[in-house]
C-alpha atoms as a PDB file:
ATOM      1  CA  UNK A   1       0.000   0.000   0.000  1.00  0.00           C
ATOM      2  CA  UNK A   2       1.385   3.405  -1.003  1.00  0.00           C
ATOM      3  CA  UNK A   3      -1.460   5.647   0.196  1.00  0.00           C
ATOM      4  CA  UNK A   4      -4.556   5.573   2.355  1.00  0.00           C
ATOM      5  CA  UNK A   5      -7.347   8.024   1.545  1.00  0.00           C
ATOM      6  CA  UNK A   6     -10.741   8.919   2.984  1.00  0.00           C
ATOM      7  CA  UNK A   7     -12.879  10.255   0.148  1.00  0.00           C
ATOM      8  CA  UNK A   8     -16.286  11.845  -0.329  1.00  0.00           C
ATOM      9  CA  UNK A   9     -17.902  13.308  -3.437  1.00  0.00           C
ATOM     10  CA  UNK A  10     -16.397  16.708  -2.627  1.00  0.00           C
ATOM     11  CA  UNK A  11     -13.201  16.010  -0.722  1.00  0.00           C
ATOM     12  CA  UNK A  12     -10.252  13.627  -0.428  1.00  0.00           C
ATOM     13  CA  UNK A  13      -8.300  13.326   2.809  1.00  0.00           C
ATOM     14  CA  UNK A  14      -4.756  11.998   2.461  1.00  0.00           C
ATOM     15  CA  UNK A  15      -4.143   9.955   5.620  1.00  0.00           C
ATOM     16  CA  UNK A  16      -0.366  10.019   5.161  1.00  0.00           C
ATOM     17  CA  UNK A  17      -0.105  13.791   4.915  1.00  0.00           C
ATOM     18  CA  UNK A  18       1.775  14.412   8.151  1.00  0.00           C
ATOM     19  CA  UNK A  19       4.558  12.036   7.098  1.00  0.00           C
ATOM     20  CA  UNK A  20       4.971  13.730   3.712  1.00  0.00           C
ATOM     21  CA  UNK A  21       4.167  17.386   4.498  1.00  0.00           C
ATOM     22  CA  UNK A  22       4.426  17.787   8.270  1.00  0.00           C
ATOM     23  CA  UNK A  23       0.799  18.829   8.760  1.00  0.00           C
ATOM     24  CA  UNK A  24      -2.619  17.381   7.956  1.00  0.00           C
ATOM     25  CA  UNK A  25      -3.984  13.886   8.662  1.00  0.00           C
ATOM     26  CA  UNK A  26      -1.998  10.765   9.533  1.00  0.00           C
ATOM     27  CA  UNK A  27      -3.237   7.211  10.070  1.00  0.00           C
ATOM     28  CA  UNK A  28      -1.241   5.765  12.953  1.00  0.00           C
ATOM     29  CA  UNK A  29      -0.488   2.304  14.301  1.00  0.00           C
ATOM     30  CA  UNK A  30      -3.351   0.352  15.816  1.00  0.00           C
ATOM     31  CA  UNK A  31      -5.824   0.275  12.920  1.00  0.00           C
ATOM     32  CA  UNK A  32      -8.094  -2.777  12.970  1.00  0.00           C
ATOM     33  CA  UNK A  33     -10.588  -4.304  10.565  1.00  0.00           C
ATOM     34  CA  UNK A  34      -8.372  -4.459   7.475  1.00  0.00           C
ATOM     35  CA  UNK A  35      -7.949  -8.224   7.649  1.00  0.00           C
ATOM     36  CA  UNK A  36     -10.458 -10.948   6.859  1.00  0.00           C
ATOM     37  CA  UNK A  37     -14.069  -9.896   7.604  1.00  0.00           C
ATOM     38  CA  UNK A  38     -16.208 -11.989   9.917  1.00  0.00           C
ATOM     39  CA  UNK A  39     -18.496 -14.693   8.557  1.00  0.00           C
ATOM     40  CA  UNK A  40     -21.747 -16.226   9.745  1.00  0.00           C
ATOM     41  CA  UNK A  41     -21.654 -19.975   9.070  1.00  0.00           C
ATOM     42  CA  UNK A  42     -24.791 -22.057   8.622  1.00  0.00           C
ATOM     43  CA  UNK A  43     -24.895 -25.552  10.097  1.00  0.00           C
ATOM     44  CA  UNK A  44     -27.292 -28.452   9.705  1.00  0.00           C
ATOM     45  CA  UNK A  45     -27.772 -30.338  12.934  1.00  0.00           C
ATOM     46  CA  UNK A  46     -29.488 -33.694  12.779  1.00  0.00           C
ATOM     47  CA  UNK A  47     -30.226 -36.486  15.212  1.00  0.00           C
ATOM     48  CA  UNK A  48     -26.662 -37.817  15.080  1.00  0.00           C
ATOM     49  CA  UNK A  49     -23.448 -36.441  16.479  1.00  0.00           C
ATOM     50  CA  UNK A  50     -22.106 -33.077  15.388  1.00  0.00           C
ATOM     51  CA  UNK A  51     -23.360 -31.055  12.460  1.00  0.00           C
ATOM     52  CA  UNK A  52     -22.737 -30.444   8.767  1.00  0.00           C
ATOM     53  CA  UNK A  53     -21.521 -27.215   7.219  1.00  0.00           C
ATOM     54  CA  UNK A  54     -24.140 -25.692   4.890  1.00  0.00           C
ATOM     55  CA  UNK A  55     -22.419 -22.492   3.816  1.00  0.00           C
ATOM     56  CA  UNK A  56     -21.599 -19.058   5.139  1.00  0.00           C
ATOM     57  CA  UNK A  57     -22.469 -15.398   4.762  1.00  0.00           C
ATOM     58  CA  UNK A  58     -19.750 -12.743   4.850  1.00  0.00           C
ATOM     59  CA  UNK A  59     -20.650 -10.003   7.333  1.00  0.00           C
ATOM     60  CA  UNK A  60     -20.124  -6.263   7.173  1.00  0.00           C
ATOM     61  CA  UNK A  61     -16.625  -5.056   7.951  1.00  0.00           C
ATOM     62  CA  UNK A  62     -15.992  -2.962  11.105  1.00  0.00           C
ATOM     63  CA  UNK A  63     -12.868  -0.794  11.192  1.00  0.00           C
ATOM     64  CA  UNK A  64     -11.106   1.301  13.818  1.00  0.00           C
ATOM     65  CA  UNK A  65      -8.877   4.015  12.369  1.00  0.00           C
ATOM     66  CA  UNK A  66      -6.545   5.959  14.727  1.00  0.00           C
ATOM     67  CA  UNK A  67      -5.661   9.410  13.376  1.00  0.00           C
ATOM     68  CA  UNK A  68      -3.142  12.073  14.276  1.00  0.00           C
ATOM     69  CA  UNK A  69      -4.205  15.559  13.118  1.00  0.00           C
ATOM     70  CA  UNK A  70      -1.497  18.217  13.007  1.00  0.00           C
ATOM     71  CA  UNK A  71      -2.037  21.862  12.127  1.00  0.00           C
ATOM     72  CA  UNK A  72       0.357  24.716  11.419  1.00  0.00           C
ATOM     73  CA  UNK A  73      -1.370  26.676  14.153  1.00  0.00           C
ATOM     74  CA  UNK A  74      -4.558  26.460  16.164  1.00  0.00           C
ATOM     75  CA  UNK A  75      -6.679  28.024  13.416  1.00  0.00           C
ATOM     76  CA  UNK A  76      -5.381  25.543  10.846  1.00  0.00           C
ATOM     77  CA  UNK A  77      -5.965  22.661  13.271  1.00  0.00           C
ATOM     78  CA  UNK A  78      -9.549  23.821  13.763  1.00  0.00           C
ATOM     79  CA  UNK A  79     -10.130  23.843  10.005  1.00  0.00           C
ATOM     80  CA  UNK A  80      -8.689  20.320   9.687  1.00  0.00           C
ATOM     81  CA  UNK A  81     -10.979  18.985  12.416  1.00  0.00           C
ATOM     82  CA  UNK A  82     -13.976  20.650  10.751  1.00  0.00           C
ATOM     83  CA  UNK A  83     -12.989  19.159   7.403  1.00  0.00           C
ATOM     84  CA  UNK A  84     -12.782  15.672   8.917  1.00  0.00           C
ATOM     85  CA  UNK A  85     -16.143  16.069  10.665  1.00  0.00           C
ATOM     86  CA  UNK A  86     -17.841  17.062   7.409  1.00  0.00           C
ATOM     87  CA  UNK A  87     -16.290  14.114   5.591  1.00  0.00           C
ATOM     88  CA  UNK A  88     -17.415  11.436   8.057  1.00  0.00           C
ATOM     89  CA  UNK A  89     -20.901  12.926   8.515  1.00  0.00           C
ATOM     90  CA  UNK A  90     -21.937  11.210   5.287  1.00  0.00           C
ATOM     91  CA  UNK A  91     -21.053   8.131   3.274  1.00  0.00           C
ATOM     92  CA  UNK A  92     -17.378   8.118   2.400  1.00  0.00           C
ATOM     93  CA  UNK A  93     -14.956   5.656   0.874  1.00  0.00           C
ATOM     94  CA  UNK A  94     -11.835   4.210   2.385  1.00  0.00           C
ATOM     95  CA  UNK A  95      -9.330   3.933  -0.481  1.00  0.00           C
ATOM     96  CA  UNK A  96      -6.065   2.010  -0.438  1.00  0.00           C
ATOM     97  CA  UNK A  97      -3.710   2.755  -3.327  1.00  0.00           C
ATOM     98  CA  UNK A  98      -1.497  -0.228  -4.149  1.00  0.00           C
ATOM     99  CA  UNK A  99       2.072  -0.009  -5.431  1.00  0.00           C
ATOM    100  CA  UNK A 100       0.887  -0.696  -8.987  1.00  0.00           C
ATOM    101  CA  UNK A 101      -1.427   2.330  -8.806  1.00  0.00           C
ATOM    102  CA  UNK A 102      -4.688   0.380  -8.542  1.00  0.00           C
ATOM    103  CA  UNK A 103      -7.144   1.951  -6.108  1.00  0.00           C
ATOM    104  CA  UNK A 104      -9.018  -0.505  -3.889  1.00  0.00           C
ATOM    105  CA  UNK A 105     -11.993   1.019  -2.096  1.00  0.00           C
ATOM    106  CA  UNK A 106     -14.928   0.168   0.115  1.00  0.00           C
ATOM    107  CA  UNK A 107     -17.778   2.510   1.154  1.00  0.00           C
ATOM    108  CA  UNK A 108     -17.853   3.213   4.900  1.00  0.00           C
ATOM    109  CA  UNK A 109     -20.075   4.963   7.434  1.00  0.00           C
ATOM    110  CA  UNK A 110     -18.943   6.277  10.793  1.00  0.00           C
ATOM    111  CA  UNK A 111     -20.561   4.330  13.640  1.00  0.00           C
ATOM    112  CA  UNK A 112     -18.629   5.700  16.603  1.00  0.00           C
ATOM    113  CA  UNK A 113     -15.423   7.190  17.923  1.00  0.00           C
ATOM    114  CA  UNK A 114     -14.283  10.710  17.220  1.00  0.00           C
ATOM    115  CA  UNK A 115     -13.310  11.744  20.751  1.00  0.00           C
ATOM    116  CA  UNK A 116     -10.383  14.169  20.670  1.00  0.00           C
ATOM    117  CA  UNK A 117      -7.231  13.879  22.755  1.00  0.00           C
ATOM    118  CA  UNK A 118      -5.152  17.063  22.787  1.00  0.00           C
ATOM    119  CA  UNK A 119      -1.423  16.452  22.462  1.00  0.00           C
ATOM    120  CA  UNK A 120      -0.616  20.137  21.993  1.00  0.00           C
ATOM    121  CA  UNK A 121      -2.306  23.275  20.708  1.00  0.00           C
ATOM    122  CA  UNK A 122      -1.571  22.158  17.140  1.00  0.00           C
ATOM    123  CA  UNK A 123      -1.853  18.378  17.470  1.00  0.00           C
ATOM    124  CA  UNK A 124      -4.813  16.165  18.390  1.00  0.00           C
ATOM    125  CA  UNK A 125      -5.448  12.445  18.178  1.00  0.00           C
ATOM    126  CA  UNK A 126      -8.660  10.510  17.681  1.00  0.00           C
ATOM    127  CA  UNK A 127      -9.980   7.077  16.742  1.00  0.00           C
ATOM    128  CA  UNK A 128     -12.824   6.746  14.245  1.00  0.00           C
ATOM    129  CA  UNK A 129     -14.986   3.632  14.007  1.00  0.00           C
ATOM    130  CA  UNK A 130     -16.502   2.755  10.633  1.00  0.00           C
ATOM    131  CA  UNK A 131     -18.713   0.049   9.220  1.00  0.00           C
ATOM    132  CA  UNK A 132     -18.300  -1.095   5.615  1.00  0.00           C
ATOM    133  CA  UNK A 133     -21.569  -2.681   4.401  1.00  0.00           C
ATOM    134  CA  UNK A 134     -19.639  -4.315   1.548  1.00  0.00           C
ATOM    135  CA  UNK A 135     -16.930  -6.409   3.223  1.00  0.00           C
ATOM    136  CA  UNK A 136     -14.719  -6.500   0.124  1.00  0.00           C
ATOM    137  CA  UNK A 137     -12.328  -3.984  -1.420  1.00  0.00           C
ATOM    138  CA  UNK A 138     -13.243  -3.254  -5.055  1.00  0.00           C
ATOM    139  CA  UNK A 139     -10.710  -2.230  -7.713  1.00  0.00           C
ATOM    140  CA  UNK A 140     -11.003   1.061  -9.546  1.00  0.00           C
ATOM    141  CA  UNK A 141      -9.848  -0.603 -12.767  1.00  0.00           C
ATOM    142  CA  UNK A 142     -12.423  -2.365 -14.918  1.00  0.00           C
ATOM    143  CA  UNK A 143     -11.523  -5.662 -16.562  1.00  0.00           C
ATOM    144  CA  UNK A 144     -13.151  -5.964 -19.972  1.00  0.00           C
ATOM    145  CA  UNK A 145     -13.599  -8.654 -22.591  1.00  0.00           C
ATOM    146  CA  UNK A 146     -15.009  -7.325 -25.840  1.00  0.00           C
ATOM    147  CA  UNK A 147     -16.064  -9.495 -28.749  1.00  0.00           C
ATOM    148  CA  UNK A 148     -17.337  -8.580 -32.189  1.00  0.00           C
ATOM    149  CA  UNK A 149     -17.826  -5.023 -33.334  1.00  0.00           C
ATOM    150  CA  UNK A 150     -15.681  -5.021 -36.478  1.00  0.00           C
ATOM    151  CA  UNK A 151     -17.761  -3.515 -39.283  1.00  0.00           C
ATOM    152  CA  UNK A 152     -15.282  -4.879 -41.830  1.00  0.00           C
ATOM    153  CA  UNK A 153     -14.734  -8.479 -42.696  1.00  0.00           C
ATOM    154  CA  UNK A 154     -14.323  -9.921 -39.197  1.00  0.00           C
ATOM    155  CA  UNK A 155     -17.224 -12.126 -38.097  1.00  0.00           C
ATOM    156  CA  UNK A 156     -19.068 -11.773 -34.800  1.00  0.00           C
ATOM    157  CA  UNK A 157     -17.192 -13.315 -31.872  1.00  0.00           C
ATOM    158  CA  UNK A 158     -14.010 -13.108 -33.913  1.00  0.00           C
ATOM    159  CA  UNK A 159     -11.901 -12.958 -30.749  1.00  0.00           C
ATOM    160  CA  UNK A 160     -13.318 -16.238 -29.496  1.00  0.00           C
ATOM    161  CA  UNK A 161     -12.935 -19.901 -30.177  1.00  0.00           C
ATOM    162  CA  UNK A 162     -16.169 -19.770 -32.173  1.00  0.00           C
ATOM    163  CA  UNK A 163     -18.302 -22.156 -34.133  1.00  0.00           C
ATOM    164  CA  UNK A 164     -20.648 -20.410 -36.585  1.00  0.00           C
ATOM    165  CA  UNK A 165     -24.067 -22.020 -36.781  1.00  0.00           C
ATOM    166  CA  UNK A 166     -25.302 -19.992 -39.726  1.00  0.00           C
ATOM    167  CA  UNK A 167     -24.579 -16.694 -41.445  1.00  0.00           C
ATOM    168  CA  UNK A 168     -26.465 -14.761 -38.759  1.00  0.00           C
ATOM    169  CA  UNK A 169     -25.860 -16.995 -35.744  1.00  0.00           C
ATOM    170  CA  UNK A 170     -22.806 -17.372 -33.556  1.00  0.00           C
ATOM    171  CA  UNK A 171     -21.709 -19.264 -30.496  1.00  0.00           C
ATOM    172  CA  UNK A 172     -18.349 -19.238 -28.803  1.00  0.00           C
ATOM    173  CA  UNK A 173     -16.256 -19.313 -25.656  1.00  0.00           C
ATOM    174  CA  UNK A 174     -14.949 -16.221 -23.912  1.00  0.00           C
ATOM    175  CA  UNK A 175     -12.020 -16.241 -21.490  1.00  0.00           C
ATOM    176  CA  UNK A 176     -12.490 -14.330 -18.235  1.00  0.00           C
ATOM    177  CA  UNK A 177      -9.487 -13.350 -16.108  1.00  0.00           C
ATOM    178  CA  UNK A 178     -10.470 -12.188 -12.620  1.00  0.00           C
ATOM    179  CA  UNK A 179      -7.289 -11.163 -10.772  1.00  0.00           C
ATOM    180  CA  UNK A 180      -9.200 -10.592  -7.538  1.00  0.00           C
ATOM    181  CA  UNK A 181      -9.634 -13.285  -4.899  1.00  0.00           C
ATOM    182  CA  UNK A 182     -13.434 -13.292  -4.599  1.00  0.00           C
ATOM    183  CA  UNK A 183     -16.119 -13.677  -7.303  1.00  0.00           C
ATOM    184  CA  UNK A 184     -16.854 -10.508  -9.300  1.00  0.00           C
ATOM    185  CA  UNK A 185     -20.196  -9.398 -10.750  1.00  0.00           C
ATOM    186  CA  UNK A 186     -20.042  -8.905 -14.526  1.00  0.00           C
ATOM    187  CA  UNK A 187     -21.968  -6.316 -16.522  1.00  0.00           C
ATOM    188  CA  UNK A 188     -23.012  -7.406 -20.014  1.00  0.00           C
ATOM    189  CA  UNK A 189     -23.442  -4.698 -22.647  1.00  0.00           C
ATOM    190  CA  UNK A 190     -24.889  -5.913 -25.945  1.00  0.00           C
ATOM    191  CA  UNK A 191     -25.036  -3.741 -29.058  1.00  0.00           C
ATOM    192  CA  UNK A 192     -27.496  -4.813 -31.746  1.00  0.00           C
ATOM    193  CA  UNK A 193     -28.565  -6.154 -33.984  1.00  0.00           C
ATOM    194  CA  UNK A 194     -29.217  -9.474 -32.307  1.00  0.00           C
ATOM    195  CA  UNK A 195     -31.700 -11.519 -30.341  1.00  0.00           C
ATOM    196  CA  UNK A 196     -31.924 -14.356 -27.838  1.00  0.00           C
ATOM    197  CA  UNK A 197     -28.785 -13.740 -25.800  1.00  0.00           C
ATOM    198  CA  UNK A 198     -27.408 -16.618 -23.724  1.00  0.00           C
ATOM    199  CA  UNK A 199     -24.388 -16.258 -21.421  1.00  0.00           C
ATOM    200  CA  UNK A 200     -23.383 -19.414 -19.589  1.00  0.00           C
ATOM    201  CA  UNK A 201     -20.990 -19.409 -16.634  1.00  0.00           C
ATOM    202  CA  UNK A 202     -17.903 -21.614 -16.275  1.00  0.00           C
ATOM    203  CA  UNK A 203     -19.945 -23.862 -13.969  1.00  0.00           C
ATOM    204  CA  UNK A 204     -22.978 -24.081 -16.256  1.00  0.00           C
ATOM    205  CA  UNK A 205     -25.284 -21.424 -14.806  1.00  0.00           C
ATOM    206  CA  UNK A 206     -27.357 -19.797 -17.550  1.00  0.00           C
ATOM    207  CA  UNK A 207     -28.591 -16.250 -18.011  1.00  0.00           C
ATOM    208  CA  UNK A 208     -30.860 -15.901 -21.042  1.00  0.00           C
ATOM    209  CA  UNK A 209     -32.540 -12.823 -22.498  1.00  0.00           C
ATOM    210  CA  UNK A 210     -35.122 -13.700 -25.144  1.00  0.00           C
ATOM    211  CA  UNK A 211     -35.747 -10.207 -26.548  1.00  0.00           C
ATOM    212  CA  UNK A 212     -34.313  -8.607 -29.668  1.00  0.00           C
ATOM    213  CA  UNK A 213     -32.241  -5.520 -30.434  1.00  0.00           C
ATOM    214  CA  UNK A 214     -32.262  -3.358 -33.548  1.00  0.00           C
ATOM    215  CA  UNK A 215     -28.954  -2.098 -35.026  1.00  0.00           C
ATOM    216  CA  UNK A 216     -29.297   1.149 -33.011  1.00  0.00           C
ATOM    217  CA  UNK A 217     -30.214  -0.441 -29.672  1.00  0.00           C
ATOM    218  CA  UNK A 218     -28.141  -1.746 -26.810  1.00  0.00           C
ATOM    219  CA  UNK A 219     -28.851  -3.855 -23.746  1.00  0.00           C
ATOM    220  CA  UNK A 220     -27.178  -3.600 -20.321  1.00  0.00           C
ATOM    221  CA  UNK A 221     -27.418  -6.527 -17.901  1.00  0.00           C
ATOM    222  CA  UNK A 222     -26.092  -5.572 -14.447  1.00  0.00           C
ATOM    223  CA  UNK A 223     -25.699  -8.819 -12.514  1.00  0.00           C
ATOM    224  CA  UNK A 224     -24.744  -7.107  -9.239  1.00  0.00           C
ATOM    225  CA  UNK A 225     -28.002  -5.142  -9.061  1.00  0.00           C
ATOM    226  CA  UNK A 226     -30.044  -7.705 -10.996  1.00  0.00           C
ATOM    227  CA  UNK A 227     -31.251  -5.159 -13.570  1.00  0.00           C
ATOM    228  CA  UNK A 228     -31.791  -5.316 -17.333  1.00  0.00           C
ATOM    229  CA  UNK A 229     -32.192  -2.030 -19.211  1.00  0.00           C
ATOM    230  CA  UNK A 230     -31.756  -0.693 -22.724  1.00  0.00           C
ATOM    231  CA  UNK A 231     -29.740   2.337 -23.806  1.00  0.00           C
ATOM    232  CA  UNK A 232     -32.591   4.681 -22.838  1.00  0.00           C
ATOM    233  CA  UNK A 233     -32.899   3.217 -19.351  1.00  0.00           C
ATOM    234  CA  UNK A 234     -36.129   1.349 -20.133  1.00  0.00           C
ATOM    235  CA  UNK A 235     -36.653  -1.789 -18.067  1.00  0.00           C
ATOM    236  CA  UNK A 236     -36.217  -4.906 -20.253  1.00  0.00           C
ATOM    237  CA  UNK A 237     -36.202  -7.403 -17.383  1.00  0.00           C
ATOM    238  CA  UNK A 238     -39.456  -9.019 -18.536  1.00  0.00           C
ATOM    239  CA  UNK A 239     -37.653 -10.586 -21.506  1.00  0.00           C
ATOM    240  CA  UNK A 240     -35.452 -12.710 -19.260  1.00  0.00           C
ATOM    241  CA  UNK A 241     -36.120 -16.433 -19.437  1.00  0.00           C
ATOM    242  CA  UNK A 242     -37.605 -18.056 -16.307  1.00  0.00           C
ATOM    243  CA  UNK A 243     -35.307 -18.541 -13.304  1.00  0.00           C
ATOM    244  CA  UNK A 244     -32.427 -16.304 -14.480  1.00  0.00           C
ATOM    245  CA  UNK A 245     -29.060 -16.866 -12.810  1.00  0.00           C
ATOM    246  CA  UNK A 246     -27.039 -13.673 -12.346  1.00  0.00           C
ATOM    247  CA  UNK A 247     -23.798 -15.586 -12.037  1.00  0.00           C
ATOM    248  CA  UNK A 248     -20.411 -14.219 -10.996  1.00  0.00           C
ATOM    249  CA  UNK A 249     -16.909 -14.460 -12.453  1.00  0.00           C
ATOM    250  CA  UNK A 250     -14.771 -16.741 -10.251  1.00  0.00           C
ATOM    251  CA  UNK A 251     -11.207 -15.766  -9.264  1.00  0.00           C
ATOM    252  CA  UNK A 252      -8.536 -16.733 -11.761  1.00  0.00           C
ATOM    253  CA  UNK A 253      -8.950 -17.641 -15.418  1.00  0.00           C
ATOM    254  CA  UNK A 254     -12.185 -19.307 -16.496  1.00  0.00           C
ATOM    255  CA  UNK A 255     -14.218 -19.821 -19.647  1.00  0.00           C
ATOM    256  CA  UNK A 256     -17.815 -18.745 -20.281  1.00  0.00           C
ATOM    257  CA  UNK A 257     -20.061 -19.329 -23.297  1.00  0.00           C
ATOM    258  CA  UNK A 258     -21.812 -16.565 -25.254  1.00  0.00           C
ATOM    259  CA  UNK A 259     -24.538 -16.960 -27.887  1.00  0.00           C
ATOM    260  CA  UNK A 260     -26.419 -14.318 -29.849  1.00  0.00           C
ATOM    261  CA  UNK A 261     -28.658 -14.882 -32.849  1.00  0.00           C
ATOM    262  CA  UNK A 262     -29.420 -12.725 -35.915  1.00  0.00           C
ATOM    263  CA  UNK A 263     -26.115 -10.882 -35.680  1.00  0.00           C
ATOM    264  CA  UNK A 264     -24.042  -8.870 -38.130  1.00  0.00           C
ATOM    265  CA  UNK A 265     -20.411  -7.771 -38.067  1.00  0.00           C
ATOM    266  CA  UNK A 266     -21.570  -4.670 -36.149  1.00  0.00           C
ATOM    267  CA  UNK A 267     -23.004  -6.708 -33.257  1.00  0.00           C
ATOM    268  CA  UNK A 268     -20.933  -6.675 -30.073  1.00  0.00           C
ATOM    269  CA  UNK A 269     -21.019  -8.150 -26.590  1.00  0.00           C
ATOM    270  CA  UNK A 270     -18.897  -6.487 -23.904  1.00  0.00           C
ATOM    271  CA  UNK A 271     -18.364  -8.168 -20.551  1.00  0.00           C
ATOM    272  CA  UNK A 272     -16.835  -6.000 -17.808  1.00  0.00           C
ATOM    273  CA  UNK A 273     -16.226  -6.453 -14.093  1.00  0.00           C
ATOM    274  CA  UNK A 274     -14.335  -4.919 -11.201  1.00  0.00           C
ATOM    275  CA  UNK A 275     -12.094  -7.363  -9.284  1.00  0.00           C
ATOM    276  CA  UNK A 276     -12.631  -7.610  -5.531  1.00  0.00           C
ATOM    277  CA  UNK A 277     -10.353  -8.692  -2.713  1.00  0.00           C
ATOM    278  CA  UNK A 278     -10.671  -9.781   0.887  1.00  0.00           C
ATOM    279  CA  UNK A 279      -7.615  -7.796   1.993  1.00  0.00           C
ATOM    280  CA  UNK A 280      -5.324  -5.163   0.482  1.00  0.00           C
ATOM    281  CA  UNK A 281      -1.889  -4.259   1.852  1.00  0.00           C
END
């Protein structure tokens, strides 16, 4: 980790500022909650001895963040404290910048702490307690796999190991590389023309949309939020086949299957996702 930031829509607090500039905010030793989040396991207990593990749910992440706040003078210290108070009064994001420049963030809300201990007239210390509803850290970079979209001679799914079924039908395999360590939610963006989209996960889960798109239309399937909309924001969820599975991209390299009918060389399918991690250092 090269930097730790606390960000809102209007402000960004560098929590290593004292070390680099002599004044400002500084995260100090004693921070907790940056490791593995807690889990709630489910057990099946029968008439026999012991129990069987049925799965687990990852719980929200609680963090304690000790801060040293140093001002040039008392007036500057007062402005720094006010700036911090405004930032944590609303939703903010805790951002860790890795050595490769990737920003890993999680939204947080203050749940406690904030008492001030005066070290001097220009230096105070405090501990803030946050809760992160999403227990994972999400990358700022978006991983993308794009197929099709060449208006020239290249056929649809040209980047895939594809097997054409007919002049206007295509099926193929798409390689997904998730460099996070937890499953990531993909977003599927389909540009027409085309109809009857099927995307099948590496483990066989199927998401099928039975509608059709004209050459000027696009479809966006957001698996994290479970929404299906067109380019104008109109709800197209009703065209999903029964029992849709909004599957996730597993960590590592895996292979999914894509099928779209009535395509042309202008038809494209773009799969994008943000990697997520348990811990970032």
